[in-house]
């Protein structure tokens, strides 16, 4: 462990590796979207990688995780194979949701990744339900929910925080505040922009964190997880971050200045963190390039896997959509 880094060298390098994996996978997904290989909606996480990586590495592998429609990175770090994520974005049967969900609905029960969710704030009540089940069974696992600051204007946010606090449930509320709910700045949509104050109104412990610093995210999340797991009730973390790309592939991005984007890019989580590792003597340029090459190979293998995948036959399109009593048949 470096004298100034709060984690062992192996973890320090793993944090960088996972941020690189998210970044390159999504850059490739954007290219494939432009080529018509990926259809539907595609919301990129580029710029926000420090949040998913720092936070999820502070959780236990069997904790439950729910995210938004900008969830590729969360799924990847939680353990969903890149092959399965890419195949899902292609709509192939080999995808983690068998091609039924696409980019916004990644799901993998094996890794306890209970979904991207296309409904703003839709994951919050589900997370409270998962935490309630764990609490009733006397377990020690916690449920973590990732959502944007725009979700805090929804009724589901207030209902979820109220019940989690009232019942002292093991929930970690992870707000990814990237300042723009789609194309509306926070100050233009919410009268109270102190997000921690909103959580505190429900007697939920709350803290704001620099979401561009993966180590700050990891430390703050680790402390919050320890408190929640100890039975001290829910915790709210506001990760102050920024997305470098538009809201989605259809967004003309007319609501913010390009100069503002460039200012945030100067604080980009990957180059800032890799520079720190180099300054600490934990990484050199050759080591960084080796990591990048490893990531590139993984991404290209995932693309090849998705390309070779199979589409669902028309005869199966109603499978798992309708159900019926034993011995009866439902016509599509």
Protein backbone atom coordinates (compact mmCIF):
# COMPACT_ATOMS: atom_id res chain seq x y z
CA UNK A 1 0.00 0.00 0.00
CA UNK A 2 1.30 3.45 -0.89
CA UNK A 3 1.74 5.90 1.97
CA UNK A 4 -0.79 8.25 0.39
CA UNK A 5 -3.17 5.76 -1.24
CA UNK A 6 -5.88 4.37 1.07
CA UNK A 7 -5.96 0.92 -0.54
CA UNK A 8 -3.56 -1.90 -1.52
CA UNK A 9 -1.78 -1.74 -4.89
CA UNK A 10 -3.80 -4.64 -6.30
CA UNK A 11 -7.08 -2.87 -5.61
CA UNK A 12 -5.70 0.47 -6.78
CA UNK A 13 -4.87 -1.03 -10.17
CA UNK A 14 -8.16 -2.94 -10.31
CA UNK A 15 -10.06 0.32 -9.95
CA UNK A 16 -8.24 1.74 -12.97
CA UNK A 17 -8.71 -1.47 -14.94
CA UNK A 18 -12.48 -1.47 -14.38
CA UNK A 19 -12.83 2.19 -15.32
CA UNK A 20 -10.96 1.46 -18.54
CA UNK A 21 -13.20 -1.54 -19.22
CA UNK A 22 -16.34 0.57 -18.88
CA UNK A 23 -14.95 3.43 -20.98
CA UNK A 24 -13.76 1.30 -23.89
CA UNK A 25 -16.83 -0.93 -23.90
CA UNK A 26 -19.06 2.11 -24.16
CA UNK A 27 -16.95 3.86 -26.76
CA UNK A 28 -17.21 0.69 -28.85
CA UNK A 29 -20.95 0.52 -28.21
CA UNK A 30 -21.31 4.07 -29.55
CA UNK A 31 -19.45 3.06 -32.72
CA UNK A 32 -21.65 -0.01 -33.13
CA UNK A 33 -24.77 2.06 -32.62
CA UNK A 34 -23.67 4.37 -35.42
CA UNK A 35 -23.15 1.32 -37.61
CA UNK A 36 -26.68 0.08 -36.91
CA UNK A 37 -25.51 -2.99 -34.99
CA UNK A 38 -27.12 -1.81 -31.75
CA UNK A 39 -30.69 -0.51 -31.96
CA UNK A 40 -33.17 1.19 -29.65
CA UNK A 41 -31.91 3.47 -26.90
CA UNK A 42 -28.32 3.76 -25.72
CA UNK A 43 -27.34 5.88 -22.71
CA UNK A 44 -23.60 6.13 -22.13
CA UNK A 45 -21.84 6.39 -18.76
CA UNK A 46 -18.66 7.96 -20.11
CA UNK A 47 -17.27 10.39 -17.54
CA UNK A 48 -19.05 8.81 -14.57
CA UNK A 49 -16.98 5.61 -14.33
CA UNK A 50 -15.48 6.48 -10.93
CA UNK A 51 -18.88 6.19 -9.27
CA UNK A 52 -19.79 2.65 -10.32
CA UNK A 53 -16.24 1.37 -9.89
CA UNK A 54 -15.49 3.00 -6.54
CA UNK A 55 -18.90 2.21 -5.06
CA UNK A 56 -19.32 -1.37 -6.21
CA UNK A 57 -15.85 -2.36 -5.06
CA UNK A 58 -16.94 -1.28 -1.57
CA UNK A 59 -19.91 -3.66 -1.62
CA UNK A 60 -19.89 -7.41 -1.03
CA UNK A 61 -20.38 -9.68 -4.07
CA UNK A 62 -23.74 -10.92 -2.75
CA UNK A 63 -25.23 -7.50 -2.02
CA UNK A 64 -28.14 -6.60 -4.31
CA UNK A 65 -27.65 -3.86 -6.90
CA UNK A 66 -30.25 -1.98 -8.93
CA UNK A 67 -29.38 0.74 -11.44
CA UNK A 68 -30.93 3.00 -14.05
CA UNK A 69 -31.00 2.77 -17.85
CA UNK A 70 -27.38 4.09 -17.81
CA UNK A 71 -26.25 0.83 -16.26
CA UNK A 72 -23.68 -0.89 -18.48
CA UNK A 73 -20.82 -0.02 -16.13
CA UNK A 74 -22.63 -1.16 -13.00
CA UNK A 75 -23.49 -4.50 -14.56
CA UNK A 76 -19.91 -5.02 -15.71
CA UNK A 77 -18.32 -4.25 -12.34
CA UNK A 78 -20.94 -6.31 -10.51
CA UNK A 79 -19.71 -9.31 -12.46
CA UNK A 80 -21.98 -9.61 -15.49
CA UNK A 81 -19.66 -10.84 -18.30
CA UNK A 82 -18.91 -8.29 -21.01
CA UNK A 83 -19.87 -10.90 -23.60
CA UNK A 84 -23.38 -11.13 -22.13
CA UNK A 85 -23.73 -7.34 -21.94
CA UNK A 86 -22.65 -6.79 -25.54
CA UNK A 87 -24.86 -9.61 -26.80
CA UNK A 88 -27.79 -8.09 -24.95
CA UNK A 89 -27.20 -4.71 -26.59
CA UNK A 90 -27.22 -6.56 -29.92
CA UNK A 91 -30.56 -8.15 -28.99
CA UNK A 92 -29.11 -11.65 -29.17
CA UNK A 93 -30.34 -14.68 -27.20
CA UNK A 94 -26.90 -15.05 -25.63
CA UNK A 95 -27.39 -11.72 -23.84
CA UNK A 96 -27.89 -11.52 -20.08
CA UNK A 97 -31.62 -10.87 -20.62
CA UNK A 98 -31.72 -13.23 -23.62
CA UNK A 99 -32.03 -10.29 -26.00
CA UNK A 100 -35.37 -9.26 -24.51
CA UNK A 101 -34.17 -6.21 -22.60
CA UNK A 102 -31.51 -4.48 -24.64
CA UNK A 103 -29.29 -1.69 -23.34
CA UNK A 104 -31.70 -0.37 -20.71
CA UNK A 105 -32.73 -3.67 -19.12
CA UNK A 106 -29.61 -5.63 -18.25
CA UNK A 107 -30.35 -8.27 -15.58
CA UNK A 108 -28.41 -11.12 -14.02
CA UNK A 109 -29.75 -12.94 -10.96
CA UNK A 110 -26.50 -14.91 -10.62
CA UNK A 111 -24.54 -11.76 -9.78
CA UNK A 112 -27.51 -10.19 -7.94
CA UNK A 113 -27.70 -7.40 -10.48
CA UNK A 114 -31.44 -6.81 -10.46
CA UNK A 115 -31.67 -4.60 -13.42
CA UNK A 116 -31.26 -1.53 -15.26
CA UNK A 117 -34.62 0.19 -15.07
CA UNK A 118 -36.03 2.41 -17.81
CA UNK A 119 -38.41 4.23 -15.47
CA UNK A 120 -36.92 7.21 -13.65
CA UNK A 121 -36.90 6.34 -9.91
CA UNK A 122 -38.44 2.95 -10.75
CA UNK A 123 -35.61 1.06 -9.06
CA UNK A 124 -35.98 2.78 -5.69
CA UNK A 125 -39.08 0.90 -4.44
CA UNK A 126 -37.64 -2.38 -5.75
CA UNK A 127 -34.48 -1.81 -3.74
CA UNK A 128 -36.49 -1.15 -0.60
CA UNK A 129 -38.36 -4.40 -1.23
CA UNK A 130 -35.11 -6.35 -1.57
CA UNK A 131 -33.82 -4.78 1.65
CA UNK A 132 -37.08 -5.55 3.47
CA UNK A 133 -36.86 -9.20 2.45
CA UNK A 134 -33.27 -9.39 3.71
CA UNK A 135 -34.23 -7.66 6.96
CA UNK A 136 -37.15 -10.03 7.58
CA UNK A 137 -34.89 -13.03 7.00
CA UNK A 138 -32.27 -11.73 9.42
CA UNK A 139 -29.53 -11.55 6.80
CA UNK A 140 -26.55 -9.18 6.56
CA UNK A 141 -26.69 -8.34 2.86
CA UNK A 142 -27.59 -4.81 1.83
CA UNK A 143 -29.37 -3.44 -1.23
CA UNK A 144 -27.80 -0.58 -3.21
CA UNK A 145 -29.75 1.56 -5.63
CA UNK A 146 -28.11 3.87 -8.19
CA UNK A 147 -30.21 6.73 -9.57
CA UNK A 148 -29.81 10.22 -10.98
CA UNK A 149 -30.64 13.48 -9.26
CA UNK A 150 -33.69 13.79 -11.53
CA UNK A 151 -35.21 10.80 -9.72
CA UNK A 152 -35.37 12.87 -6.55
CA UNK A 153 -38.23 14.87 -8.05
CA UNK A 154 -40.31 11.70 -8.31
CA UNK A 155 -42.73 10.49 -5.65
CA UNK A 156 -41.08 7.07 -5.60
CA UNK A 157 -37.91 8.61 -4.18
CA UNK A 158 -39.73 10.13 -1.22
CA UNK A 159 -41.78 7.02 -0.56
CA UNK A 160 -38.67 4.82 -0.71
CA UNK A 161 -36.61 6.96 1.66
CA UNK A 162 -39.50 7.31 4.08
CA UNK A 163 -40.10 3.55 4.35
CA UNK A 164 -36.41 2.69 4.46
CA UNK A 165 -35.92 5.12 7.35
CA UNK A 166 -39.15 4.18 9.11
CA UNK A 167 -38.29 0.47 9.05
CA UNK A 168 -34.50 0.97 9.39
CA UNK A 169 -33.78 -1.11 6.30
CA UNK A 170 -30.31 -1.98 4.95
CA UNK A 171 -30.42 0.29 1.88
CA UNK A 172 -27.62 2.32 0.34
CA UNK A 173 -29.08 5.13 -1.77
CA UNK A 174 -26.51 6.11 -4.42
CA UNK A 175 -27.41 9.35 -6.20
CA UNK A 176 -25.35 10.01 -9.33
CA UNK A 177 -25.73 13.77 -9.58
CA UNK A 178 -24.53 14.65 -13.09
CA UNK A 179 -26.35 18.02 -12.94
CA UNK A 180 -28.71 17.39 -15.86
CA UNK A 181 -31.83 15.25 -15.71
CA UNK A 182 -31.96 14.53 -19.43
CA UNK A 183 -31.58 18.13 -20.64
CA UNK A 184 -32.76 20.10 -17.60
CA UNK A 185 -30.27 21.58 -15.15
CA UNK A 186 -30.87 20.77 -11.50
CA UNK A 187 -31.42 24.41 -10.52
CA UNK A 188 -34.11 24.77 -13.19
CA UNK A 189 -36.17 21.83 -11.97
CA UNK A 190 -35.78 21.57 -8.19
CA UNK A 191 -36.13 24.42 -5.70
CA UNK A 192 -33.91 22.64 -3.18
CA UNK A 193 -30.60 21.77 -4.81
CA UNK A 194 -28.98 20.51 -1.59
CA UNK A 195 -29.68 16.84 -2.23
CA UNK A 196 -28.33 15.69 1.13
CA UNK A 197 -30.84 18.00 2.83
CA UNK A 198 -33.65 16.13 1.10
CA UNK A 199 -32.39 12.82 2.44
CA UNK A 200 -31.86 14.30 5.91
CA UNK A 201 -35.52 15.37 5.92
CA UNK A 202 -36.33 11.66 6.26
CA UNK A 203 -33.72 11.20 9.00
CA UNK A 204 -31.42 9.35 6.62
CA UNK A 205 -27.68 9.83 7.10
CA UNK A 206 -26.31 11.65 4.07
CA UNK A 207 -22.98 12.71 2.57
CA UNK A 208 -21.80 14.40 -0.64
CA UNK A 209 -18.76 12.91 -2.41
CA UNK A 210 -16.51 13.94 -5.31
CA UNK A 211 -17.80 11.51 -7.92
CA UNK A 212 -14.84 12.15 -10.23
CA UNK A 213 -12.38 10.71 -7.69
CA UNK A 214 -12.60 6.92 -7.59
CA UNK A 215 -10.72 6.71 -4.28
CA UNK A 216 -12.99 9.28 -2.61
CA UNK A 217 -16.00 7.31 -3.86
CA UNK A 218 -14.55 4.03 -2.60
CA UNK A 219 -13.72 5.40 0.85
CA UNK A 220 -17.05 7.15 1.40
CA UNK A 221 -19.03 4.18 0.15
CA UNK A 222 -17.06 1.78 2.31
CA UNK A 223 -17.83 3.81 5.43
CA UNK A 224 -21.51 4.03 4.50
CA UNK A 225 -21.72 0.29 3.78
CA UNK A 226 -20.19 -0.49 7.16
CA UNK A 227 -22.83 1.61 8.90
CA UNK A 228 -25.73 0.12 6.95
CA UNK A 229 -24.51 -3.45 7.44
CA UNK A 230 -24.21 -2.81 11.18
CA UNK A 231 -27.96 -2.26 11.33
CA UNK A 232 -27.89 1.51 11.66
CA UNK A 233 -30.44 2.10 8.92
CA UNK A 234 -30.22 3.46 5.38
CA UNK A 235 -27.57 5.83 4.05
CA UNK A 236 -27.67 8.38 1.21
CA UNK A 237 -24.61 9.27 -0.86
CA UNK A 238 -24.57 12.06 -3.43
CA UNK A 239 -21.83 11.42 -5.97
CA UNK A 240 -21.11 14.70 -7.76
CA UNK A 241 -20.18 13.63 -11.26
CA UNK A 242 -20.68 14.54 -14.91
CA UNK A 243 -21.45 12.71 -18.12
CA UNK A 244 -19.22 13.69 -21.02
CA UNK A 245 -21.59 12.45 -23.70
CA UNK A 246 -25.15 13.52 -24.46
CA UNK A 247 -28.07 12.08 -22.50
CA UNK A 248 -28.68 9.50 -25.22
CA UNK A 249 -27.71 8.91 -28.82
CA UNK A 250 -30.70 11.02 -29.95
CA UNK A 251 -29.85 14.06 -27.80
CA UNK A 252 -28.68 17.17 -29.74
CA UNK A 253 -27.20 18.48 -26.44
CA UNK A 254 -28.28 22.11 -26.77
CA UNK A 255 -28.76 22.71 -23.05
CA UNK A 256 -25.15 23.09 -21.89
CA UNK A 257 -22.06 24.94 -23.08
CA UNK A 258 -19.26 23.00 -24.70
CA UNK A 259 -16.83 24.92 -22.49
CA UNK A 260 -18.51 23.46 -19.41
CA UNK A 261 -18.11 19.94 -20.78
CA UNK A 262 -14.42 20.57 -21.46
CA UNK A 263 -13.91 21.89 -17.92
CA UNK A 264 -15.30 18.67 -16.50
CA UNK A 265 -13.29 16.56 -18.93
CA UNK A 266 -10.15 18.15 -17.49
CA UNK A 267 -11.13 16.39 -14.24
CA UNK A 268 -11.84 13.11 -16.04
CA UNK A 269 -11.72 10.17 -13.61
CA UNK A 270 -9.46 7.94 -15.70
CA UNK A 271 -6.63 10.30 -16.65
CA UNK A 272 -6.69 11.99 -13.23
CA UNK A 273 -6.44 8.68 -11.42
CA UNK A 274 -3.86 7.15 -13.74
CA UNK A 275 -1.72 10.27 -13.31
CA UNK A 276 -1.94 9.83 -9.54
CA UNK A 277 -0.91 6.18 -9.77
CA UNK A 278 2.08 7.16 -11.88
CA UNK A 279 3.05 9.85 -9.40
CA UNK A 280 2.86 7.28 -6.60
CA UNK A 281 5.13 4.91 -8.51
CA UNK A 282 2.43 2.25 -8.82
CA UNK A 283 2.13 2.52 -12.60
CA UNK A 284 4.23 3.62 -15.55
CA UNK A 285 3.24 4.39 -19.13
CA UNK A 286 4.13 0.89 -20.30
CA UNK A 287 1.93 -0.59 -17.60
CA UNK A 288 -0.95 1.70 -18.56
CA UNK A 289 -0.65 0.74 -22.23
CA UNK A 290 -0.59 -2.95 -21.27
CA UNK A 291 -3.83 -2.50 -19.31
CA UNK A 292 -5.39 -0.65 -22.24
CA UNK A 293 -4.39 -3.43 -24.64
CA UNK A 294 -5.90 -6.05 -22.33
CA UNK A 295 -9.14 -4.10 -22.20
CA UNK A 296 -9.19 -3.64 -25.97
CA UNK A 297 -8.85 -7.40 -26.45
CA UNK A 298 -11.71 -8.07 -24.05
CA UNK A 299 -13.98 -5.58 -25.82
CA UNK A 300 -13.23 -6.97 -29.28
CA UNK A 301 -13.85 -10.50 -28.04
CA UNK A 302 -17.23 -9.35 -26.68
CA UNK A 303 -18.12 -7.78 -30.02
CA UNK A 304 -17.19 -10.99 -31.83
CA UNK A 305 -19.32 -12.97 -29.36
CA UNK A 306 -22.31 -10.70 -30.00
CA UNK A 307 -21.83 -10.83 -33.76
CA UNK A 308 -21.82 -14.63 -33.65
CA UNK A 309 -24.90 -14.76 -31.44
CA UNK A 310 -28.35 -15.84 -32.52
CA UNK A 311 -31.62 -13.95 -32.81
CA UNK A 312 -34.74 -15.30 -31.16
CA UNK A 313 -36.96 -17.18 -33.63
CA UNK A 314 -40.35 -15.65 -34.38
CA UNK A 315 -42.09 -18.69 -32.93
CA UNK A 316 -40.70 -17.85 -29.48
CA UNK A 317 -41.63 -14.17 -29.34
CA UNK A 318 -44.58 -14.74 -27.01
CA UNK A 319 -42.63 -17.04 -24.71
CA UNK A 320 -42.54 -15.67 -21.13
CA UNK A 321 -44.99 -12.94 -22.09
CA UNK A 322 -48.23 -14.81 -21.39
CA UNK A 323 -48.91 -17.43 -18.77
CA UNK A 324 -51.77 -19.81 -18.27
CA UNK A 325 -53.04 -22.54 -15.97
CA UNK A 326 -51.60 -26.04 -16.50
CA UNK A 327 -53.27 -27.83 -19.36
CA UNK A 328 -54.44 -24.71 -21.12
CA UNK A 329 -52.89 -22.78 -23.99
CA UNK A 330 -52.92 -19.03 -24.47
CA UNK A 331 -53.04 -17.82 -28.03
CA UNK A 332 -50.70 -14.92 -28.82
